[in-house]
């Protein structure tokens, strides 16, 4: 029992204080300190932000400007409307005037320039 505990302490000590590590596939990874005796190993792939994230942020900002309080959101998907126009759709769980509801937000933009053409809001009961 003492040997297992000593091995665990050594492993934790090595991992907690190692500035960089490599993942199983050889990609560099880094450690993020989260408090005493806790850490997370973050791989480079996990640091990449999904392509839709900037559109989600824009949708949340614009919905907030319309008076919606965002409680939760889900990415619905991306659709090519035509060769030059793309639409990103999100479903939010929101409150407006104290009433909870669902809200679909769709952003249409020029695919090549990413210039926003239209933002559509559709409230739902769920």
Protein backbone atom coordinates (compact mmCIF):
# COMPACT_ATOMS: atom_id res chain seq x y z
CA UNK A 1 0.00 0.00 0.00
CA UNK A 2 2.81 2.43 0.89
CA UNK A 3 4.58 1.71 -2.43
CA UNK A 4 1.39 2.41 -4.42
CA UNK A 5 0.81 5.67 -2.55
CA UNK A 6 4.42 6.74 -3.05
CA UNK A 7 4.18 5.95 -6.79
CA UNK A 8 0.96 7.96 -7.07
CA UNK A 9 2.51 10.95 -5.30
CA UNK A 10 5.57 10.81 -7.57
CA UNK A 11 3.35 10.62 -10.68
CA UNK A 12 1.23 13.55 -9.51
CA UNK A 13 4.31 15.57 -8.65
CA UNK A 14 5.90 14.94 -12.04
CA UNK A 15 2.71 15.76 -13.96
CA UNK A 16 1.82 18.83 -11.89
CA UNK A 17 5.19 20.48 -12.38
CA UNK A 18 6.05 19.42 -15.93
CA UNK A 19 5.80 22.53 -18.14
CA UNK A 20 5.04 20.54 -21.29
CA UNK A 21 4.15 16.98 -22.13
CA UNK A 22 3.47 15.05 -25.29
CA UNK A 23 0.25 13.24 -26.05
CA UNK A 24 0.11 9.64 -27.22
CA UNK A 25 0.15 10.74 -30.86
CA UNK A 26 3.25 12.87 -30.32
CA UNK A 27 1.52 16.26 -30.44
CA UNK A 28 2.64 18.76 -27.84
CA UNK A 29 0.28 19.27 -24.96
CA UNK A 30 0.34 21.60 -21.99
CA UNK A 31 -0.84 21.41 -18.43
CA UNK A 32 -3.26 23.90 -16.96
CA UNK A 33 -3.23 24.42 -13.23
CA UNK A 34 -6.73 24.43 -11.76
CA UNK A 35 -6.02 24.44 -8.04
CA UNK A 36 -4.42 22.20 -5.44
CA UNK A 37 -3.97 18.65 -6.70
CA UNK A 38 -6.06 19.13 -9.83
CA UNK A 39 -4.91 19.70 -13.37
CA UNK A 40 -6.02 19.10 -16.90
CA UNK A 41 -4.02 17.97 -19.88
CA UNK A 42 -4.99 20.09 -22.88
CA UNK A 43 -4.05 18.86 -26.34
CA UNK A 44 -3.55 21.24 -29.24
CA UNK A 45 -6.66 19.85 -30.99
CA UNK A 46 -8.78 20.79 -27.97
CA UNK A 47 -7.50 24.36 -28.12
CA UNK A 48 -8.86 24.82 -31.62
CA UNK A 49 -12.08 26.76 -31.58
CA UNK A 50 -14.85 25.37 -33.81
CA UNK A 51 -15.54 27.34 -36.98
CA UNK A 52 -19.08 28.12 -35.83
CA UNK A 53 -17.95 29.69 -32.52
CA UNK A 54 -17.60 33.21 -33.94
CA UNK A 55 -21.11 32.94 -35.40
CA UNK A 56 -22.44 31.69 -32.07
CA UNK A 57 -20.87 34.66 -30.29
CA UNK A 58 -22.41 37.05 -32.82
CA UNK A 59 -25.82 35.38 -32.48
CA UNK A 60 -25.66 35.67 -28.67
CA UNK A 61 -24.62 39.34 -28.80
CA UNK A 62 -27.40 40.22 -31.24
CA UNK A 63 -30.05 38.27 -29.29
CA UNK A 64 -28.94 40.05 -26.09
CA UNK A 65 -29.41 43.41 -27.85
CA UNK A 66 -33.03 42.37 -28.55
CA UNK A 67 -33.65 41.85 -24.83
CA UNK A 68 -33.14 38.07 -24.60
CA UNK A 69 -31.23 36.71 -21.61
CA UNK A 70 -29.27 33.68 -22.87
CA UNK A 71 -29.47 30.70 -20.51
CA UNK A 72 -28.12 27.95 -22.77
CA UNK A 73 -27.42 27.32 -26.43
CA UNK A 74 -26.93 24.57 -28.94
CA UNK A 75 -25.37 24.66 -32.38
CA UNK A 76 -27.96 23.37 -34.87
CA UNK A 77 -25.87 23.42 -38.03
CA UNK A 78 -24.58 25.02 -41.17
CA UNK A 79 -26.41 25.10 -44.49
CA UNK A 80 -25.33 26.35 -47.88
CA UNK A 81 -28.25 28.38 -49.20
CA UNK A 82 -26.64 28.85 -52.62
CA UNK A 83 -23.04 28.92 -53.92
CA UNK A 84 -22.41 32.35 -52.39
CA UNK A 85 -24.55 32.35 -49.20
CA UNK A 86 -24.20 30.24 -46.03
CA UNK A 87 -26.48 30.06 -42.99
CA UNK A 88 -25.49 29.13 -39.43
CA UNK A 89 -28.34 28.25 -37.04
CA UNK A 90 -28.36 28.14 -33.23
CA UNK A 91 -31.06 27.25 -30.72
CA UNK A 92 -31.01 29.23 -27.51
CA UNK A 93 -32.87 28.72 -24.27
CA UNK A 94 -33.67 32.28 -23.21
CA UNK A 95 -35.71 34.48 -20.91
CA UNK A 96 -37.44 37.62 -22.09
CA UNK A 97 -39.50 39.70 -19.68
CA UNK A 98 -39.13 36.85 -17.16
CA UNK A 99 -40.68 34.28 -19.51
CA UNK A 100 -38.51 31.27 -20.52
CA UNK A 101 -38.67 30.17 -24.15
CA UNK A 102 -36.72 28.70 -27.02
CA UNK A 103 -35.19 30.96 -29.65
CA UNK A 104 -33.78 29.96 -33.01
CA UNK A 105 -31.25 32.42 -34.41
CA UNK A 106 -30.11 32.03 -38.03
CA UNK A 107 -27.33 34.11 -39.51
CA UNK A 108 -26.97 34.34 -43.29
CA UNK A 109 -23.71 35.62 -44.68
CA UNK A 110 -21.69 35.81 -47.87
CA UNK A 111 -19.52 32.71 -47.88
CA UNK A 112 -16.44 34.36 -49.42
CA UNK A 113 -16.39 37.60 -47.40
CA UNK A 114 -18.35 36.50 -44.28
CA UNK A 115 -20.37 39.72 -44.53
CA UNK A 116 -23.62 39.24 -42.59
CA UNK A 117 -26.69 39.58 -44.80
CA UNK A 118 -29.50 38.76 -42.38
CA UNK A 119 -30.19 37.64 -38.82
CA UNK A 120 -33.49 35.83 -38.29
CA UNK A 121 -35.09 35.24 -34.86
CA UNK A 122 -37.85 32.70 -34.25
CA UNK A 123 -39.33 32.14 -30.79
CA UNK A 124 -40.57 28.69 -29.80
CA UNK A 125 -42.31 27.28 -26.74
CA UNK A 126 -39.47 24.82 -26.19
